Amino acid sequence: MTDVDVIVLGSGFAGLRAAVAASSTGCSVLVVEAQSEIGGRSRYSWSNIMGAGTRFQREAGIEDSPKAMFDQYMRLNSFRLDA
């Protein structure tokens, strides 16, 4: 493996921005992402805040719970996160 100046862990918004900033100063950069696609957690960010069992869901007839949300999030990340 070739030496690099900066290693960025994660390819979410912050990680990719850090990689661009480091690269723009002339550094060689390696971005490491645990998921199979780039984007990290930012792929699920649409200016929303995750929540489960909210009154909005109840009013819409959606059954949800914090445990169901946790389980879905872990599945989306292939259980490679430290819960």
N, C-alpha and C. Protein backbone atom coordinates (compact mmCIF):
# COMPACT_ATOMS: atom_id res chain seq x y z
N MET A 1 0.84 -1.19 0.00
CA MET A 1 0.00 0.00 0.00
C MET A 1 0.88 1.25 0.00
N THR A 2 0.44 2.24 -0.68
CA THR A 2 1.15 3.51 -0.76
C THR A 2 0.87 4.34 0.48
N ASP A 3 1.86 5.08 0.94
CA ASP A 3 1.64 5.98 2.07
C ASP A 3 0.72 7.12 1.66
N VAL A 4 -0.09 7.57 2.62
CA VAL A 4 -0.96 8.72 2.39
C VAL A 4 -0.72 9.72 3.51
N ASP A 5 -1.06 10.97 3.25
CA ASP A 5 -0.90 12.01 4.26
C ASP A 5 -2.05 12.04 5.25
N VAL A 6 -3.27 11.79 4.75
CA VAL A 6 -4.47 11.90 5.58
C VAL A 6 -5.37 10.70 5.32
N ILE A 7 -5.87 10.10 6.40
CA ILE A 7 -6.88 9.04 6.30
C ILE A 7 -8.17 9.60 6.90
N VAL A 8 -9.23 9.56 6.12
CA VAL A 8 -10.53 10.03 6.58
C VAL A 8 -11.41 8.81 6.80
N LEU A 9 -11.95 8.68 8.00
CA LEU A 9 -12.82 7.56 8.32
C LEU A 9 -14.27 7.99 8.13
N GLY A 10 -14.91 7.43 7.11
CA GLY A 10 -16.30 7.72 6.83
C GLY A 10 -16.46 8.63 5.62
N SER A 11 -17.46 8.29 4.79
CA SER A 11 -17.69 9.06 3.57
C SER A 11 -19.00 9.82 3.61
N GLY A 12 -19.42 10.20 4.80
CA GLY A 12 -20.59 11.06 4.92
C GLY A 12 -20.22 12.49 4.53
N PHE A 13 -21.16 13.41 4.74
CA PHE A 13 -20.91 14.80 4.37
C PHE A 13 -19.63 15.33 4.99
N ALA A 14 -19.45 15.11 6.29
CA ALA A 14 -18.28 15.65 6.99
C ALA A 14 -16.99 14.99 6.50
N GLY A 15 -17.03 13.66 6.33
CA GLY A 15 -15.83 12.96 5.88
C GLY A 15 -15.39 13.37 4.49
N LEU A 16 -16.35 13.45 3.56
CA LEU A 16 -15.98 13.85 2.20
C LEU A 16 -15.51 15.29 2.16
N ARG A 17 -16.12 16.15 2.95
CA ARG A 17 -15.68 17.55 3.00
C ARG A 17 -14.26 17.64 3.56
N ALA A 18 -13.97 16.84 4.58
CA ALA A 18 -12.62 16.82 5.14
C ALA A 18 -11.61 16.32 4.10
N ALA A 19 -12.02 15.32 3.32
CA ALA A 19 -11.13 14.78 2.29
C ALA A 19 -10.84 15.83 1.22
N VAL A 20 -11.86 16.56 0.80
CA VAL A 20 -11.67 17.61 -0.21
C VAL A 20 -10.76 18.71 0.34
N ALA A 21 -11.00 19.10 1.60
CA ALA A 21 -10.18 20.16 2.20
C ALA A 21 -8.72 19.72 2.29
N ALA A 22 -8.48 18.50 2.72
CA ALA A 22 -7.10 18.02 2.82
C ALA A 22 -6.46 17.93 1.44
N SER A 23 -7.22 17.43 0.47
CA SER A 23 -6.69 17.30 -0.89
C SER A 23 -6.36 18.66 -1.50
N SER A 24 -7.18 19.66 -1.17
CA SER A 24 -6.94 20.99 -1.76
C SER A 24 -5.66 21.64 -1.24
N THR A 25 -5.11 21.11 -0.15
CA THR A 25 -3.85 21.62 0.37
C THR A 25 -2.65 20.83 -0.16
N GLY A 26 -2.95 19.87 -1.03
CA GLY A 26 -1.87 19.08 -1.62
C GLY A 26 -1.63 17.74 -0.95
N CYS A 27 -2.40 17.42 0.07
CA CYS A 27 -2.23 16.13 0.75
C CYS A 27 -2.81 15.00 -0.09
N SER A 28 -2.19 13.84 0.04
CA SER A 28 -2.81 12.64 -0.53
C SER A 28 -3.77 12.11 0.53
N VAL A 29 -4.95 11.67 0.08
CA VAL A 29 -6.04 11.34 1.00
C VAL A 29 -6.58 9.95 0.70
N LEU A 30 -6.86 9.20 1.76
CA LEU A 30 -7.54 7.91 1.65
C LEU A 30 -8.83 8.01 2.46
N VAL A 31 -9.97 7.77 1.81
CA VAL A 31 -11.26 7.76 2.51
C VAL A 31 -11.63 6.31 2.75
N VAL A 32 -11.91 5.95 4.00
CA VAL A 32 -12.28 4.59 4.37
C VAL A 32 -13.74 4.60 4.80
N GLU A 33 -14.56 3.75 4.17
CA GLU A 33 -15.98 3.66 4.48
C GLU A 33 -16.33 2.22 4.82
N ALA A 34 -17.04 1.99 5.92
CA ALA A 34 -17.41 0.65 6.33
C ALA A 34 -18.57 0.08 5.52
N GLN A 35 -19.42 0.96 5.01
CA GLN A 35 -20.57 0.49 4.24
C GLN A 35 -20.16 0.16 2.81
N SER A 36 -21.03 -0.52 2.10
CA SER A 36 -20.72 -0.92 0.73
C SER A 36 -20.89 0.22 -0.27
N GLU A 37 -21.49 1.33 0.15
CA GLU A 37 -21.68 2.49 -0.72
C GLU A 37 -21.13 3.72 -0.03
N ILE A 38 -20.70 4.70 -0.83
CA ILE A 38 -20.24 5.94 -0.21
C ILE A 38 -21.45 6.74 0.28
N GLY A 39 -21.22 7.61 1.21
CA GLY A 39 -22.28 8.46 1.73
C GLY A 39 -22.48 8.32 3.22
N GLY A 40 -22.07 7.19 3.78
CA GLY A 40 -22.22 7.00 5.22
C GLY A 40 -23.64 7.27 5.69
N ARG A 41 -23.76 7.75 6.88
CA ARG A 41 -25.06 8.05 7.47
C ARG A 41 -25.77 9.18 6.72
N SER A 42 -25.00 10.00 6.03
CA SER A 42 -25.58 11.13 5.31
C SER A 42 -26.52 10.68 4.19
N ARG A 43 -26.39 9.42 3.73
CA ARG A 43 -27.30 8.93 2.70
C ARG A 43 -28.74 8.94 3.19
N TYR A 44 -28.94 8.91 4.49
CA TYR A 44 -30.29 8.87 5.05
C TYR A 44 -30.73 10.22 5.58
N SER A 45 -30.00 11.25 5.27
CA SER A 45 -30.31 12.58 5.79
C SER A 45 -30.99 13.41 4.71
N TRP A 46 -32.24 13.70 4.93
CA TRP A 46 -32.99 14.55 4.00
C TRP A 46 -33.56 15.72 4.76
N SER A 47 -32.75 16.33 5.60
CA SER A 47 -33.19 17.43 6.46
C SER A 47 -34.25 16.96 7.44
N ASN A 48 -34.22 15.72 7.77
CA ASN A 48 -35.15 15.14 8.73
C ASN A 48 -34.40 14.69 9.97
N ILE A 49 -35.13 14.52 11.03
CA ILE A 49 -34.58 13.94 12.25
C ILE A 49 -35.26 12.59 12.43
N MET A 50 -34.44 11.56 12.61
CA MET A 50 -35.01 10.23 12.80
C MET A 50 -35.77 10.18 14.12
N GLY A 51 -36.89 9.52 14.08
CA GLY A 51 -37.69 9.33 15.29
C GLY A 51 -38.60 8.14 15.10
N ALA A 52 -39.05 7.57 16.19
CA ALA A 52 -39.93 6.41 16.13
C ALA A 52 -41.01 6.54 17.18
N GLY A 53 -42.18 6.08 16.83
CA GLY A 53 -43.29 6.14 17.77
C GLY A 53 -43.75 7.57 18.02
N THR A 54 -43.64 8.43 17.01
CA THR A 54 -43.99 9.84 17.19
C THR A 54 -45.50 10.03 17.05
N ARG A 55 -45.97 11.16 17.50
CA ARG A 55 -47.41 11.45 17.37
C ARG A 55 -47.79 11.59 15.90
N PHE A 56 -46.87 12.06 15.07
CA PHE A 56 -47.14 12.18 13.64
C PHE A 56 -47.37 10.81 13.02
N GLN A 57 -46.57 9.84 13.42
CA GLN A 57 -46.76 8.48 12.93
C GLN A 57 -48.09 7.92 13.42
N ARG A 58 -48.36 8.10 14.69
CA ARG A 58 -49.63 7.60 15.24
C ARG A 58 -50.82 8.21 14.50
N GLU A 59 -50.77 9.53 14.27
CA GLU A 59 -51.87 10.20 13.57
C GLU A 59 -52.03 9.69 12.14
N ALA A 60 -50.93 9.22 11.54
CA ALA A 60 -50.98 8.69 10.17
C ALA A 60 -51.27 7.19 10.16
N GLY A 61 -51.47 6.60 11.35
CA GLY A 61 -51.76 5.17 11.43
C GLY A 61 -50.55 4.29 11.24
N ILE A 62 -49.36 4.85 11.43
CA ILE A 62 -48.12 4.09 11.28
C ILE A 62 -47.69 3.56 12.63
N GLU A 63 -47.53 2.24 12.71
CA GLU A 63 -47.05 1.62 13.94
C GLU A 63 -45.53 1.55 13.88
N ASP A 64 -44.87 2.11 14.87
CA ASP A 64 -43.42 2.13 14.90
C ASP A 64 -42.99 2.14 16.36
N SER A 65 -41.72 1.86 16.58
CA SER A 65 -41.18 1.88 17.95
C SER A 65 -39.69 2.16 17.88
N PRO A 66 -39.12 2.63 18.98
CA PRO A 66 -37.67 2.83 18.99
C PRO A 66 -36.91 1.55 18.67
N LYS A 67 -37.39 0.40 19.15
CA LYS A 67 -36.71 -0.87 18.86
C LYS A 67 -36.76 -1.19 17.37
N ALA A 68 -37.90 -0.97 16.73
CA ALA A 68 -38.01 -1.24 15.29
C ALA A 68 -37.07 -0.31 14.51
N MET A 69 -36.98 0.95 14.91
CA MET A 69 -36.09 1.89 14.24
C MET A 69 -34.63 1.46 14.42
N PHE A 70 -34.27 1.07 15.63
CA PHE A 70 -32.91 0.60 15.90
C PHE A 70 -32.59 -0.62 15.04
N ASP A 71 -33.52 -1.59 15.02
CA ASP A 71 -33.29 -2.80 14.24
C ASP A 71 -33.12 -2.48 12.76
N GLN A 72 -33.94 -1.57 12.22
CA GLN A 72 -33.81 -1.20 10.81
C GLN A 72 -32.47 -0.51 10.55
N TYR A 73 -32.08 0.39 11.43
CA TYR A 73 -30.80 1.09 11.26
C TYR A 73 -29.63 0.11 11.28
N MET A 74 -29.68 -0.86 12.18
CA MET A 74 -28.61 -1.86 12.24
C MET A 74 -28.60 -2.71 10.97
N ARG A 75 -29.78 -3.09 10.46
CA ARG A 75 -29.83 -3.86 9.20
C ARG A 75 -29.26 -3.05 8.05
N LEU A 76 -29.61 -1.74 7.97
CA LEU A 76 -29.10 -0.90 6.91
C LEU A 76 -27.58 -0.82 6.94
N ASN A 77 -27.00 -0.96 8.10
CA ASN A 77 -25.55 -0.88 8.27
C ASN A 77 -24.92 -2.26 8.41
N SER A 78 -25.66 -3.30 8.00
CA SER A 78 -25.18 -4.68 8.01
C SER A 78 -24.63 -5.09 9.37
N PHE A 79 -25.19 -4.53 10.43
CA PHE A 79 -24.80 -4.86 11.80
C PHE A 79 -23.31 -4.64 12.06
N ARG A 80 -22.70 -3.72 11.31
CA ARG A 80 -21.27 -3.43 11.47
C ARG A 80 -21.03 -2.23 12.36
N LEU A 81 -22.02 -1.83 13.13
CA LEU A 81 -21.88 -0.70 14.03
C LEU A 81 -21.81 -1.17 15.47
N ASP A 82 -21.15 -0.41 16.29
CA ASP A 82 -21.14 -0.69 17.72
C ASP A 82 -22.41 -0.10 18.31
N ALA A 83 -23.35 -0.96 18.61
CA ALA A 83 -24.66 -0.50 19.11
C ALA A 83 -24.50 0.27 20.39
